[in-house]
Amino acid sequence: MSTFSAKPAEVVHEWFVIDATDKVLGRVASEVALRLRGKHKAIYTPHVDTGDFIVIINASQLRVTGAKPIDKVYYRHSGYP
């Protein structure tokens, strides 16, 4: 049996709508990442875009667990001294 390799012309991209109301941020992010890459499909091929399109609604109502909303600090540096 030969190895299957998906061809870009044969890939069918589907649309998913995810309602993020009262869902945990990390779990939604991991599910979205899985579907964007296409790893949930049997025809997944690393070098071909087999992922789907995703629309997230009610993202402002996500749950952020722990003390992340208070303690999380983002730093930005341009790379120049």
N, C-alpha and C. Protein backbone atom coordinates (compact mmCIF):
# COMPACT_ATOMS: atom_id res chain seq x y z
N MET A 1 0.84 -1.17 0.00
CA MET A 1 0.00 0.00 0.00
C MET A 1 0.89 1.24 0.00
N SER A 2 0.64 2.15 -0.88
CA SER A 2 1.47 3.35 -0.98
C SER A 2 0.96 4.43 -0.03
N THR A 3 1.85 5.36 0.29
CA THR A 3 1.51 6.45 1.20
C THR A 3 0.67 7.48 0.47
N PHE A 4 -0.40 7.92 1.12
CA PHE A 4 -1.28 8.92 0.52
C PHE A 4 -0.72 10.30 0.75
N SER A 5 -0.73 11.13 -0.27
CA SER A 5 -0.32 12.52 -0.16
C SER A 5 -1.41 13.39 -0.79
N ALA A 6 -1.98 14.26 0.03
CA ALA A 6 -3.06 15.12 -0.45
C ALA A 6 -2.53 16.14 -1.45
N LYS A 7 -3.31 16.41 -2.47
CA LYS A 7 -2.95 17.42 -3.46
C LYS A 7 -3.80 18.67 -3.18
N PRO A 8 -3.21 19.86 -3.33
CA PRO A 8 -3.96 21.08 -3.01
C PRO A 8 -5.29 21.21 -3.76
N ALA A 9 -5.37 20.71 -4.96
CA ALA A 9 -6.61 20.84 -5.74
C ALA A 9 -7.71 19.91 -5.22
N GLU A 10 -7.33 18.85 -4.51
CA GLU A 10 -8.31 17.87 -4.04
C GLU A 10 -8.86 18.18 -2.65
N VAL A 11 -8.24 19.12 -1.94
CA VAL A 11 -8.63 19.41 -0.55
C VAL A 11 -9.91 20.24 -0.52
N VAL A 12 -10.86 19.82 0.29
CA VAL A 12 -12.11 20.56 0.48
C VAL A 12 -12.04 21.25 1.84
N HIS A 13 -12.11 22.58 1.83
CA HIS A 13 -12.07 23.35 3.07
C HIS A 13 -13.50 23.61 3.54
N GLU A 14 -13.77 23.28 4.80
CA GLU A 14 -15.09 23.50 5.37
C GLU A 14 -15.05 24.73 6.28
N TRP A 15 -16.23 25.25 6.59
CA TRP A 15 -16.36 26.39 7.50
C TRP A 15 -16.92 25.90 8.82
N PHE A 16 -16.33 26.36 9.93
CA PHE A 16 -16.80 26.04 11.26
C PHE A 16 -17.08 27.33 12.01
N VAL A 17 -18.17 27.36 12.75
CA VAL A 17 -18.50 28.49 13.62
C VAL A 17 -18.42 27.97 15.05
N ILE A 18 -17.58 28.60 15.86
CA ILE A 18 -17.39 28.19 17.24
C ILE A 18 -17.93 29.28 18.15
N ASP A 19 -18.85 28.91 19.02
CA ASP A 19 -19.39 29.84 20.01
C ASP A 19 -18.54 29.72 21.27
N ALA A 20 -17.82 30.78 21.61
CA ALA A 20 -16.86 30.75 22.72
C ALA A 20 -17.46 31.18 24.04
N THR A 21 -18.76 31.28 24.13
CA THR A 21 -19.40 31.71 25.37
C THR A 21 -19.11 30.72 26.49
N ASP A 22 -18.53 31.21 27.59
CA ASP A 22 -18.23 30.43 28.80
C ASP A 22 -17.35 29.21 28.55
N LYS A 23 -16.48 29.27 27.55
CA LYS A 23 -15.51 28.20 27.32
C LYS A 23 -14.14 28.69 27.75
N VAL A 24 -13.27 27.76 28.16
CA VAL A 24 -11.94 28.11 28.64
C VAL A 24 -11.05 28.45 27.45
N LEU A 25 -10.27 29.51 27.60
CA LEU A 25 -9.44 30.05 26.52
C LEU A 25 -8.51 29.00 25.91
N GLY A 26 -7.77 28.28 26.73
CA GLY A 26 -6.80 27.31 26.23
C GLY A 26 -7.43 26.17 25.46
N ARG A 27 -8.57 25.71 25.91
CA ARG A 27 -9.24 24.60 25.22
C ARG A 27 -9.79 25.02 23.86
N VAL A 28 -10.30 26.23 23.79
CA VAL A 28 -10.78 26.75 22.50
C VAL A 28 -9.60 26.94 21.56
N ALA A 29 -8.50 27.47 22.09
CA ALA A 29 -7.32 27.72 21.26
C ALA A 29 -6.75 26.43 20.69
N SER A 30 -6.69 25.37 21.48
CA SER A 30 -6.14 24.11 20.99
C SER A 30 -7.05 23.47 19.95
N GLU A 31 -8.35 23.56 20.13
CA GLU A 31 -9.29 23.02 19.15
C GLU A 31 -9.22 23.79 17.83
N VAL A 32 -9.11 25.11 17.92
CA VAL A 32 -9.01 25.94 16.72
C VAL A 32 -7.71 25.64 15.98
N ALA A 33 -6.61 25.51 16.72
CA ALA A 33 -5.32 25.22 16.09
C ALA A 33 -5.34 23.88 15.37
N LEU A 34 -5.98 22.89 15.97
CA LEU A 34 -6.08 21.57 15.37
C LEU A 34 -6.84 21.64 14.04
N ARG A 35 -7.95 22.36 14.03
CA ARG A 35 -8.76 22.45 12.81
C ARG A 35 -8.13 23.34 11.75
N LEU A 36 -7.41 24.39 12.16
CA LEU A 36 -6.74 25.25 11.18
C LEU A 36 -5.64 24.50 10.43
N ARG A 37 -4.94 23.63 11.11
CA ARG A 37 -3.88 22.85 10.48
C ARG A 37 -4.43 21.68 9.68
N GLY A 38 -5.62 21.21 10.02
CA GLY A 38 -6.22 20.10 9.29
C GLY A 38 -5.86 18.74 9.86
N LYS A 39 -5.35 18.69 11.09
CA LYS A 39 -4.92 17.43 11.68
C LYS A 39 -6.09 16.54 12.09
N HIS A 40 -7.31 17.06 12.04
CA HIS A 40 -8.48 16.25 12.38
C HIS A 40 -8.96 15.44 11.18
N LYS A 41 -8.36 15.66 10.02
CA LYS A 41 -8.78 14.97 8.81
C LYS A 41 -7.87 13.77 8.53
N ALA A 42 -8.44 12.76 7.92
CA ALA A 42 -7.66 11.58 7.57
C ALA A 42 -6.69 11.86 6.44
N ILE A 43 -6.93 12.92 5.66
CA ILE A 43 -6.07 13.23 4.52
C ILE A 43 -4.97 14.22 4.88
N TYR A 44 -4.71 14.44 6.18
CA TYR A 44 -3.71 15.42 6.62
C TYR A 44 -2.36 15.13 5.99
N THR A 45 -1.79 16.15 5.38
CA THR A 45 -0.45 16.10 4.81
C THR A 45 0.27 17.36 5.27
N PRO A 46 1.45 17.24 5.90
CA PRO A 46 2.10 18.40 6.51
C PRO A 46 2.40 19.57 5.57
N HIS A 47 2.75 19.30 4.33
CA HIS A 47 3.15 20.38 3.43
C HIS A 47 2.00 20.92 2.57
N VAL A 48 0.78 20.46 2.81
CA VAL A 48 -0.39 20.92 2.05
C VAL A 48 -1.39 21.52 3.04
N ASP A 49 -1.99 22.65 2.65
CA ASP A 49 -2.99 23.29 3.49
C ASP A 49 -4.28 22.48 3.44
N THR A 50 -4.47 21.62 4.44
CA THR A 50 -5.68 20.80 4.52
C THR A 50 -6.64 21.32 5.58
N GLY A 51 -6.34 22.46 6.17
CA GLY A 51 -7.14 23.01 7.26
C GLY A 51 -8.45 23.61 6.79
N ASP A 52 -9.27 23.94 7.76
CA ASP A 52 -10.59 24.50 7.50
C ASP A 52 -10.63 25.97 7.89
N PHE A 53 -11.74 26.62 7.58
CA PHE A 53 -11.94 28.02 7.95
C PHE A 53 -12.75 28.05 9.24
N ILE A 54 -12.41 28.98 10.13
CA ILE A 54 -13.06 29.03 11.43
C ILE A 54 -13.49 30.46 11.74
N VAL A 55 -14.71 30.60 12.25
CA VAL A 55 -15.22 31.88 12.73
C VAL A 55 -15.56 31.69 14.20
N ILE A 56 -14.99 32.53 15.06
CA ILE A 56 -15.26 32.44 16.49
C ILE A 56 -16.19 33.59 16.87
N ILE A 57 -17.33 33.25 17.44
CA ILE A 57 -18.26 34.29 17.88
C ILE A 57 -18.26 34.34 19.41
N ASN A 58 -18.60 35.49 19.96
CA ASN A 58 -18.64 35.73 21.41
C ASN A 58 -17.28 35.50 22.06
N ALA A 59 -16.21 35.90 21.39
CA ALA A 59 -14.86 35.73 21.94
C ALA A 59 -14.64 36.58 23.18
N SER A 60 -15.39 37.65 23.33
CA SER A 60 -15.23 38.49 24.51
C SER A 60 -15.79 37.82 25.76
N GLN A 61 -16.53 36.73 25.61
CA GLN A 61 -17.12 36.04 26.75
C GLN A 61 -16.37 34.76 27.11
N LEU A 62 -15.12 34.63 26.63
CA LEU A 62 -14.29 33.49 27.00
C LEU A 62 -13.97 33.54 28.49
N ARG A 63 -13.76 32.36 29.08
CA ARG A 63 -13.31 32.31 30.47
C ARG A 63 -11.80 32.17 30.50
N VAL A 64 -11.15 33.02 31.28
CA VAL A 64 -9.71 32.94 31.48
C VAL A 64 -9.52 32.47 32.91
N THR A 65 -8.95 31.28 33.09
CA THR A 65 -8.87 30.67 34.41
C THR A 65 -7.68 31.19 35.20
N GLY A 66 -7.73 31.00 36.50
CA GLY A 66 -6.64 31.39 37.38
C GLY A 66 -6.53 32.89 37.50
N ALA A 67 -5.29 33.37 37.73
CA ALA A 67 -5.03 34.81 37.91
C ALA A 67 -4.45 35.43 36.65
N LYS A 68 -4.61 34.77 35.52
CA LYS A 68 -4.02 35.29 34.27
C LYS A 68 -4.50 36.68 33.89
N PRO A 69 -5.77 37.01 34.07
CA PRO A 69 -6.18 38.37 33.67
C PRO A 69 -5.48 39.46 34.48
N ILE A 70 -5.07 39.13 35.69
CA ILE A 70 -4.44 40.13 36.56
C ILE A 70 -2.92 40.08 36.45
N ASP A 71 -2.34 38.88 36.51
CA ASP A 71 -0.89 38.72 36.61
C ASP A 71 -0.16 38.63 35.28
N LYS A 72 -0.84 38.35 34.20
CA LYS A 72 -0.18 38.17 32.91
C LYS A 72 0.34 39.51 32.41
N VAL A 73 1.64 39.56 32.10
CA VAL A 73 2.27 40.79 31.63
C VAL A 73 2.94 40.49 30.29
N TYR A 74 2.65 41.29 29.30
CA TYR A 74 3.26 41.12 27.99
C TYR A 74 4.39 42.12 27.83
N TYR A 75 5.54 41.64 27.38
CA TYR A 75 6.70 42.49 27.15
C TYR A 75 6.96 42.54 25.65
N ARG A 76 7.45 43.67 25.20
CA ARG A 76 7.78 43.82 23.79
C ARG A 76 9.13 44.50 23.69
N HIS A 77 9.99 43.96 22.85
CA HIS A 77 11.31 44.53 22.66
C HIS A 77 11.60 44.54 21.17
N SER A 78 12.12 45.63 20.68
CA SER A 78 12.36 45.77 19.24
C SER A 78 13.57 44.99 18.77
N GLY A 79 14.45 44.60 19.70
CA GLY A 79 15.65 43.88 19.32
C GLY A 79 16.86 44.78 19.19
N TYR A 80 16.63 46.07 19.19
CA TYR A 80 17.72 47.03 19.12
C TYR A 80 18.16 47.40 20.53
N PRO A 81 19.47 47.65 20.73
CA PRO A 81 19.95 48.00 22.08
C PRO A 81 19.46 49.35 22.55
